PDB file of N, CA and C in Angstrom:
ATOM      1  N   UNK A   1      92.172  91.244 123.764  1.00  0.00           N
ATOM      2  CA  UNK A   1      92.466  92.630 123.478  1.00  0.00           C
ATOM      3  C   UNK A   1      93.716  93.043 124.256  1.00  0.00           C
ATOM      4  N   UNK A   2      94.565  93.820 123.627  1.00  0.00           N
ATOM      5  CA  UNK A   2      95.788  94.279 124.267  1.00  0.00           C
ATOM      6  C   UNK A   2      95.541  95.554 125.043  1.00  0.00           C
ATOM      7  N   UNK A   3      96.163  95.622 126.192  1.00  0.00           N
ATOM      8  CA  UNK A   3      96.108  96.846 126.994  1.00  0.00           C
ATOM      9  C   UNK A   3      97.170  97.794 126.463  1.00  0.00           C
ATOM     10  N   UNK A   4      96.833  99.042 126.203  1.00  0.00           N
ATOM     11  CA  UNK A   4      97.784 100.011 125.640  1.00  0.00           C
ATOM     12  C   UNK A   4      98.907 100.359 126.600  1.00  0.00           C
ATOM     13  N   UNK A   5      98.755 100.089 127.880  1.00  0.00           N
ATOM     14  CA  UNK A   5      99.790 100.397 128.868  1.00  0.00           C
ATOM     15  C   UNK A   5     100.788  99.266 129.057  1.00  0.00           C
ATOM     16  N   UNK A   6     100.526  98.119 128.460  1.00  0.00           N
ATOM     17  CA  UNK A   6     101.414  96.978 128.607  1.00  0.00           C
ATOM     18  C   UNK A   6     102.493  97.060 127.540  1.00  0.00           C
ATOM     19  N   UNK A   7     103.769  96.997 127.937  1.00  0.00           N
ATOM     20  CA  UNK A   7     104.834  97.069 126.929  1.00  0.00           C
ATOM     21  C   UNK A   7     104.850  95.805 126.090  1.00  0.00           C
ATOM     22  N   UNK A   8     105.009  95.953 124.796  1.00  0.00           N
ATOM     23  CA  UNK A   8     105.107  94.802 123.903  1.00  0.00           C
ATOM     24  C   UNK A   8     106.556  94.331 123.846  1.00  0.00           C
ATOM     25  N   UNK A   9     106.792  93.252 123.141  1.00  0.00           N
ATOM     26  CA  UNK A   9     108.155  92.727 123.006  1.00  0.00           C
ATOM     27  C   UNK A   9     109.059  93.705 122.275  1.00  0.00           C
ATOM     28  N   UNK A  10     108.520  94.441 121.313  1.00  0.00           N
ATOM     29  CA  UNK A  10     109.363  95.387 120.573  1.00  0.00           C
ATOM     30  C   UNK A  10     109.714  96.604 121.422  1.00  0.00           C
ATOM     31  N   UNK A  11     108.846  96.997 122.351  1.00  0.00           N
ATOM     32  CA  UNK A  11     109.128  98.132 123.228  1.00  0.00           C
ATOM     33  C   UNK A  11     110.267  97.831 124.192  1.00  0.00           C
ATOM     34  N   UNK A  12     110.440  96.585 124.563  1.00  0.00           N
ATOM     35  CA  UNK A  12     111.485  96.209 125.516  1.00  0.00           C
ATOM     36  C   UNK A  12     112.879  96.360 124.902  1.00  0.00           C
ATOM     37  N   UNK A  13     112.970  96.223 123.573  1.00  0.00           N
ATOM     38  CA  UNK A  13     114.269  96.283 122.898  1.00  0.00           C
ATOM     39  C   UNK A  13     114.635  97.680 122.421  1.00  0.00           C
ATOM     40  N   UNK A  14     113.770  98.646 122.577  1.00  0.00           N
ATOM     41  CA  UNK A  14     114.032 100.003 122.110  1.00  0.00           C
ATOM     42  C   UNK A  14     114.854 100.727 123.165  1.00  0.00           C
ATOM     43  N   UNK A  15     115.955 101.309 122.736  1.00  0.00           N
ATOM     44  CA  UNK A  15     116.816 102.063 123.656  1.00  0.00           C
ATOM     45  C   UNK A  15     116.309 103.483 123.790  1.00  0.00           C
ATOM     46  N   UNK A  16     116.659 104.131 124.884  1.00  0.00           N
ATOM     47  CA  UNK A  16     116.294 105.546 125.006  1.00  0.00           C
ATOM     48  C   UNK A  16     116.918 106.351 123.871  1.00  0.00           C
ATOM     49  N   UNK A  17     116.244 107.419 123.478  1.00  0.00           N
ATOM     50  CA  UNK A  17     116.699 108.201 122.330  1.00  0.00           C
ATOM     51  C   UNK A  17     118.076 108.806 122.541  1.00  0.00           C
ATOM     52  N   UNK A  18     118.475 109.092 123.747  1.00  0.00           N
ATOM     53  CA  UNK A  18     119.773 109.725 123.996  1.00  0.00           C
ATOM     54  C   UNK A  18     120.931 108.771 123.708  1.00  0.00           C
ATOM     55  N   UNK A  19     120.726 107.472 123.796  1.00  0.00           N
ATOM     56  CA  UNK A  19     121.820 106.534 123.558  1.00  0.00           C
ATOM     57  C   UNK A  19     122.155 106.400 122.081  1.00  0.00           C
ATOM     58  N   UNK A  20     121.225 106.688 121.199  1.00  0.00           N
ATOM     59  CA  UNK A  20     121.499 106.578 119.763  1.00  0.00           C
ATOM     60  C   UNK A  20     122.548 107.582 119.301  1.00  0.00           C
ATOM     61  N   UNK A  21     122.453 108.875 119.657  1.00  0.00           N
ATOM     62  CA  UNK A  21     123.520 109.805 119.246  1.00  0.00           C
ATOM     63  C   UNK A  21     124.872 109.471 119.885  1.00  0.00           C
ATOM     64  N   UNK A  22     124.853 108.880 121.072  1.00  0.00           N
ATOM     65  CA  UNK A  22     126.118 108.517 121.714  1.00  0.00           C
ATOM     66  C   UNK A  22     126.861 107.450 120.915  1.00  0.00           C
ATOM     67  N   UNK A  23     126.123 106.614 120.207  1.00  0.00           N
ATOM     68  CA  UNK A  23     126.763 105.624 119.347  1.00  0.00           C
ATOM     69  C   UNK A  23     127.607 106.315 118.281  1.00  0.00           C
ATOM     70  N   UNK A  24     127.066 107.372 117.677  1.00  0.00           N
ATOM     71  CA  UNK A  24     127.803 108.116 116.648  1.00  0.00           C
ATOM     72  C   UNK A  24     128.980 108.855 117.247  1.00  0.00           C
ATOM     73  N   UNK A  25     128.826 109.353 118.466  1.00  0.00           N
ATOM     74  CA  UNK A  25     129.933 110.027 119.139  1.00  0.00           C
ATOM     75  C   UNK A  25     131.077 109.045 119.370  1.00  0.00           C
ATOM     76  N   UNK A  26     130.774 107.849 119.867  1.00  0.00           N
ATOM     77  CA  UNK A  26     131.811 106.854 120.119  1.00  0.00           C
ATOM     78  C   UNK A  26     132.450 106.383 118.820  1.00  0.00           C
ATOM     79  N   UNK A  27     131.673 106.288 117.754  1.00  0.00           N
ATOM     80  CA  UNK A  27     132.239 105.930 116.457  1.00  0.00           C
ATOM     81  C   UNK A  27     133.212 107.009 115.991  1.00  0.00           C
ATOM     82  N   UNK A  28     132.837 108.269 116.149  1.00  0.00           N
ATOM     83  CA  UNK A  28     133.721 109.376 115.760  1.00  0.00           C
ATOM     84  C   UNK A  28     135.000 109.356 116.593  1.00  0.00           C
ATOM     85  N   UNK A  29     134.881 109.127 117.893  1.00  0.00           N
ATOM     86  CA  UNK A  29     136.060 109.061 118.775  1.00  0.00           C
ATOM     87  C   UNK A  29     136.971 107.906 118.346  1.00  0.00           C
ATOM     88  N   UNK A  30     136.380 106.759 118.015  1.00  0.00           N
ATOM     89  CA  UNK A  30     137.174 105.606 117.588  1.00  0.00           C
ATOM     90  C   UNK A  30     137.892 105.877 116.271  1.00  0.00           C
ATOM     91  N   UNK A  31     137.221 106.524 115.330  1.00  0.00           N
ATOM     92  CA  UNK A  31     137.842 106.834 114.033  1.00  0.00           C
ATOM     93  C   UNK A  31     138.997 107.816 114.221  1.00  0.00           C
ATOM     94  N   UNK A  32     138.798 108.838 115.044  1.00  0.00           N
ATOM     95  CA  UNK A  32     139.862 109.820 115.292  1.00  0.00           C
ATOM     96  C   UNK A  32     141.044 109.166 115.999  1.00  0.00           C
ATOM     97  N   UNK A  33     140.765 108.305 116.978  1.00  0.00           N
ATOM     98  CA  UNK A  33     141.845 107.610 117.694  1.00  0.00           C
ATOM     99  C   UNK A  33     142.620 106.694 116.750  1.00  0.00           C
ATOM    100  N   UNK A  34     141.918 105.984 115.880  1.00  0.00           N
ATOM    101  CA  UNK A  34     142.583 105.116 114.914  1.00  0.00           C
ATOM    102  C   UNK A  34     143.431 105.936 113.940  1.00  0.00           C
ATOM    103  N   UNK A  35     142.916 107.081 113.511  1.00  0.00           N
ATOM    104  CA  UNK A  35     143.657 107.969 112.613  1.00  0.00           C
ATOM    105  C   UNK A  35     144.940 108.466 113.274  1.00  0.00           C
ATOM    106  N   UNK A  36     144.835 108.923 114.513  1.00  0.00           N
ATOM    107  CA  UNK A  36     146.020 109.418 115.223  1.00  0.00           C
ATOM    108  C   UNK A  36     147.031 108.301 115.472  1.00  0.00           C
ATOM    109  N   UNK A  37     146.539 107.105 115.792  1.00  0.00           N
ATOM    110  CA  UNK A  37     147.440 105.974 116.045  1.00  0.00           C
ATOM    111  C   UNK A  37     148.204 105.578 114.787  1.00  0.00           C
ATOM    112  N   UNK A  38     147.515 105.533 113.648  1.00  0.00           N
ATOM    113  CA  UNK A  38     148.204 105.164 112.410  1.00  0.00           C
ATOM    114  C   UNK A  38     149.192 106.237 111.977  1.00  0.00           C
ATOM    115  N   UNK A  39     148.867 107.511 112.227  1.00  0.00           N
ATOM    116  CA  UNK A  39     149.823 108.581 111.903  1.00  0.00           C
ATOM    117  C   UNK A  39     151.058 108.489 112.790  1.00  0.00           C
ATOM    118  N   UNK A  40     150.871 108.167 114.064  1.00  0.00           N
ATOM    119  CA  UNK A  40     152.007 108.007 114.973  1.00  0.00           C
ATOM    120  C   UNK A  40     152.892 106.837 114.534  1.00  0.00           C
ATOM    121  N   UNK A  41     152.263 105.720 114.201  1.00  0.00           N
ATOM    122  CA  UNK A  41     153.025 104.543 113.768  1.00  0.00           C
ATOM    123  C   UNK A  41     153.787 104.849 112.480  1.00  0.00           C
ATOM    124  N   UNK A  42     153.122 105.504 111.535  1.00  0.00           N
ATOM    125  CA  UNK A  42     153.787 105.836 110.268  1.00  0.00           C
ATOM    126  C   UNK A  42     154.960 106.775 110.506  1.00  0.00           C
ATOM    127  N   UNK A  43     154.773 107.781 111.350  1.00  0.00           N
ATOM    128  CA  UNK A  43     155.854 108.742 111.611  1.00  0.00           C
ATOM    129  C   UNK A  43     157.032 108.102 112.315  1.00  0.00           C
ATOM    130  N   UNK A  44     156.762 107.118 113.169  1.00  0.00           N
ATOM    131  CA  UNK A  44     157.855 106.508 113.925  1.00  0.00           C
ATOM    132  C   UNK A  44     158.540 105.363 113.168  1.00  0.00           C
ATOM    133  N   UNK A  45     157.856 104.747 112.215  1.00  0.00           N
ATOM    134  CA  UNK A  45     158.414 103.575 111.551  1.00  0.00           C
ATOM    135  C   UNK A  45     158.906 103.811 110.129  1.00  0.00           C
ATOM    136  N   UNK A  46     158.433 104.868 109.484  1.00  0.00           N
ATOM    137  CA  UNK A  46     158.810 105.114 108.091  1.00  0.00           C
ATOM    138  C   UNK A  46     159.800 106.273 108.004  1.00  0.00           C
ATOM    139  N   UNK A  47     160.734 106.163 107.077  1.00  0.00           N
ATOM    140  CA  UNK A  47     161.646 107.263 106.798  1.00  0.00           C
ATOM    141  C   UNK A  47     160.976 108.245 105.854  1.00  0.00           C
ATOM    142  N   UNK A  48     161.253 109.521 106.024  1.00  0.00           N
ATOM    143  CA  UNK A  48     160.604 110.540 105.202  1.00  0.00           C
ATOM    144  C   UNK A  48     160.970 110.374 103.732  1.00  0.00           C
ATOM    145  N   UNK A  49     159.964 110.316 102.873  1.00  0.00           N
ATOM    146  CA  UNK A  49     160.089 110.232 101.412  1.00  0.00           C
ATOM    147  C   UNK A  49     160.821 108.984 100.935  1.00  0.00           C
ATOM    148  N   UNK A  50     160.842 107.937 101.740  1.00  0.00           N
ATOM    149  CA  UNK A  50     161.459 106.673 101.346  1.00  0.00           C
ATOM    150  C   UNK A  50     160.366 105.616 101.217  1.00  0.00           C
ATOM    151  N   UNK A  51     160.020 105.226 100.003  1.00  0.00           N
ATOM    152  CA  UNK A  51     158.945 104.245  99.817  1.00  0.00           C
ATOM    153  C   UNK A  51     159.295 102.892 100.436  1.00  0.00           C
ATOM    154  N   UNK A  52     158.289 102.283 101.043  1.00  0.00           N
ATOM    155  CA  UNK A  52     158.423 100.938 101.587  1.00  0.00           C
ATOM    156  C   UNK A  52     157.422 100.063 100.841  1.00  0.00           C
ATOM    157  N   UNK A  53     157.934  99.035 100.158  1.00  0.00           N
ATOM    158  CA  UNK A  53     157.060  98.163  99.382  1.00  0.00           C
ATOM    159  C   UNK A  53     156.328  97.205 100.312  1.00  0.00           C
ATOM    160  N   UNK A  54     155.017  97.268 100.279  1.00  0.00           N
ATOM    161  CA  UNK A  54     154.179  96.367 101.068  1.00  0.00           C
ATOM    162  C   UNK A  54     153.756  95.191 100.193  1.00  0.00           C
ATOM    163  N   UNK A  55     153.285  95.498  99.012  1.00  0.00           N
ATOM    164  CA  UNK A  55     152.936  94.509  97.992  1.00  0.00           C
ATOM    165  C   UNK A  55     153.557  94.985  96.683  1.00  0.00           C
ATOM    166  N   UNK A  56     153.659  94.133  95.684  1.00  0.00           N
ATOM    167  CA  UNK A  56     154.277  94.578  94.425  1.00  0.00           C
ATOM    168  C   UNK A  56     153.599  95.795  93.798  1.00  0.00           C
ATOM    169  N   UNK A  57     152.348  96.026  94.115  1.00  0.00           N
ATOM    170  CA  UNK A  57     151.625  97.160  93.532  1.00  0.00           C
ATOM    171  C   UNK A  57     151.253  98.223  94.567  1.00  0.00           C
ATOM    172  N   UNK A  58     151.766  98.104  95.809  1.00  0.00           N
ATOM    173  CA  UNK A  58     151.369  99.016  96.880  1.00  0.00           C
ATOM    174  C   UNK A  58     152.576  99.396  97.725  1.00  0.00           C
ATOM    175  N   UNK A  59     152.907 100.691  97.753  1.00  0.00           N
ATOM    176  CA  UNK A  59     154.007 101.215  98.563  1.00  0.00           C
ATOM    177  C   UNK A  59     153.469 102.184  99.599  1.00  0.00           C
ATOM    178  N   UNK A  60     154.133 102.256 100.740  1.00  0.00           N
ATOM    179  CA  UNK A  60     153.846 103.275 101.748  1.00  0.00           C
ATOM    180  C   UNK A  60     154.986 104.286 101.724  1.00  0.00           C
ATOM    181  N   UNK A  61     154.642 105.566 101.687  1.00  0.00           N
ATOM    182  CA  UNK A  61     155.634 106.631 101.682  1.00  0.00           C
ATOM    183  C   UNK A  61     155.195 107.707 102.647  1.00  0.00           C
ATOM    184  N   UNK A  62     156.065 108.094 103.560  1.00  0.00           N
ATOM    185  CA  UNK A  62     155.759 109.137 104.531  1.00  0.00           C
ATOM    186  C   UNK A  62     156.055 110.497 103.920  1.00  0.00           C
ATOM    187  N   UNK A  63     155.039 111.325 103.805  1.00  0.00           N
ATOM    188  CA  UNK A  63     155.168 112.697 103.334  1.00  0.00           C
ATOM    189  C   UNK A  63     154.324 113.591 104.227  1.00  0.00           C
ATOM    190  N   UNK A  64     154.703 114.846 104.376  1.00  0.00           N
ATOM    191  CA  UNK A  64     153.947 115.801 105.186  1.00  0.00           C
ATOM    192  C   UNK A  64     153.380 116.879 104.282  1.00  0.00           C
ATOM    193  N   UNK A  65     152.114 117.198 104.479  1.00  0.00           N
ATOM    194  CA  UNK A  65     151.449 118.244 103.715  1.00  0.00           C
ATOM    195  C   UNK A  65     151.523 119.531 104.522  1.00  0.00           C
ATOM    196  N   UNK A  66     152.328 120.472 104.081  1.00  0.00           N
ATOM    197  CA  UNK A  66     152.478 121.733 104.813  1.00  0.00           C
ATOM    198  C   UNK A  66     151.574 122.826 104.277  1.00  0.00           C
ATOM    199  N   UNK A  67     150.896 122.575 103.180  1.00  0.00           N
ATOM    200  CA  UNK A  67     150.010 123.579 102.599  1.00  0.00           C
ATOM    201  C   UNK A  67     148.609 123.486 103.175  1.00  0.00           C
ATOM    202  N   UNK A  68     147.892 124.583 103.094  1.00  0.00           N
ATOM    203  CA  UNK A  68     146.506 124.610 103.541  1.00  0.00           C
ATOM    204  C   UNK A  68     145.624 123.999 102.466  1.00  0.00           C
ATOM    205  N   UNK A  69     144.574 123.363 102.862  1.00  0.00           N
ATOM    206  CA  UNK A  69     143.583 122.790 101.947  1.00  0.00           C
ATOM    207  C   UNK A  69     144.233 121.897 100.892  1.00  0.00           C
ATOM    208  N   UNK A  70     144.998 120.936 101.339  1.00  0.00           N
ATOM    209  CA  UNK A  70     145.623 119.952 100.463  1.00  0.00           C
ATOM    210  C   UNK A  70     146.518 120.597  99.404  1.00  0.00           C
ATOM    211  N   UNK A  71     147.282 121.567  99.801  1.00  0.00           N
ATOM    212  CA  UNK A  71     148.292 122.246  98.975  1.00  0.00           C
ATOM    213  C   UNK A  71     147.727 123.079  97.838  1.00  0.00           C
ATOM    214  N   UNK A  72     146.470 123.482  97.915  1.00  0.00           N
ATOM    215  CA  UNK A  72     145.954 124.403  96.909  1.00  0.00           C
ATOM    216  C   UNK A  72     146.599 125.772  97.076  1.00  0.00           C
ATOM    217  N   UNK A  73     146.865 126.157  98.323  1.00  0.00           N
ATOM    218  CA  UNK A  73     147.512 127.432  98.623  1.00  0.00           C
ATOM    219  C   UNK A  73     148.711 127.149  99.519  1.00  0.00           C
ATOM    220  N   UNK A  74     149.828 126.693  98.990  1.00  0.00           N
ATOM    221  CA  UNK A  74     150.941 126.269  99.836  1.00  0.00           C
ATOM    222  C   UNK A  74     151.604 127.392 100.620  1.00  0.00           C
ATOM    223  N   UNK A  75     151.438 128.645 100.241  1.00  0.00           N
ATOM    224  CA  UNK A  75     152.118 129.733 100.955  1.00  0.00           C
ATOM    225  C   UNK A  75     151.189 130.497 101.879  1.00  0.00           C
ATOM    226  N   UNK A  76     149.916 130.133 101.932  1.00  0.00           N
ATOM    227  CA  UNK A  76     148.956 130.806 102.805  1.00  0.00           C
ATOM    228  C   UNK A  76     148.860 130.023 104.106  1.00  0.00           C
ATOM    229  N   UNK A  77     148.924 130.688 105.266  1.00  0.00           N
ATOM    230  CA  UNK A  77     148.769 129.971 106.541  1.00  0.00           C
ATOM    231  C   UNK A  77     147.419 129.257 106.605  1.00  0.00           C
ATOM    232  N   UNK A  78     147.383 128.132 107.308  1.00  0.00           N
ATOM    233  CA  UNK A  78     146.200 127.283 107.344  1.00  0.00           C
ATOM    234  C   UNK A  78     144.954 128.036 107.843  1.00  0.00           C
ATOM    235  N   UNK A  79     145.092 128.925 108.778  1.00  0.00           N
ATOM    236  CA  UNK A  79     143.959 129.630 109.322  1.00  0.00           C
ATOM    237  C   UNK A  79     143.303 130.600 108.354  1.00  0.00           C
ATOM    238  N   UNK A  80     144.031 131.080 107.371  1.00  0.00           N
ATOM    239  CA  UNK A  80     143.471 132.071 106.455  1.00  0.00           C
ATOM    240  C   UNK A  80     143.031 131.460 105.113  1.00  0.00           C
ATOM    241  N   UNK A  81     143.108 130.166 104.967  1.00  0.00           N
ATOM    242  CA  UNK A  81     142.729 129.540 103.699  1.00  0.00           C
ATOM    243  C   UNK A  81     141.237 129.724 103.427  1.00  0.00           C
ATOM    244  N   UNK A  82     140.407 129.597 104.451  1.00  0.00           N
ATOM    245  CA  UNK A  82     138.967 129.750 104.263  1.00  0.00           C
ATOM    246  C   UNK A  82     138.561 131.150 103.886  1.00  0.00           C
ATOM    247  N   UNK A  83     139.267 132.143 104.374  1.00  0.00           N
ATOM    248  CA  UNK A  83     138.919 133.529 104.061  1.00  0.00           C
ATOM    249  C   UNK A  83     139.343 133.938 102.656  1.00  0.00           C
ATOM    250  N   UNK A  84     140.178 133.136 102.019  1.00  0.00           N
ATOM    251  CA  UNK A  84     140.637 133.485 100.677  1.00  0.00           C
ATOM    252  C   UNK A  84     139.715 132.973  99.592  1.00  0.00           C
ATOM    253  N   UNK A  85     138.713 132.192  99.973  1.00  0.00           N
ATOM    254  CA  UNK A  85     137.801 131.622  98.957  1.00  0.00           C
ATOM    255  C   UNK A  85     136.874 132.644  98.429  1.00  0.00           C
TER     256      UNK A  85
END
């Protein structure tokens, strides 16, 4: 008979509940860091609006989106786009 106070093999591998959300936090931090790094590299290495052929069917082109909400309202400041909906 098993004693209920004795940890089983599966209990030894279970992490505390607080470490699980931290995994998602670190994933989010890594994704944001990768996004910022690729934007920096693109801005420093590509000429504005000049396509660079990577493969015969794939080009990289540096463009900047100055409109709010993916240019749906190009003349509205970014902070007021949500209030216009």
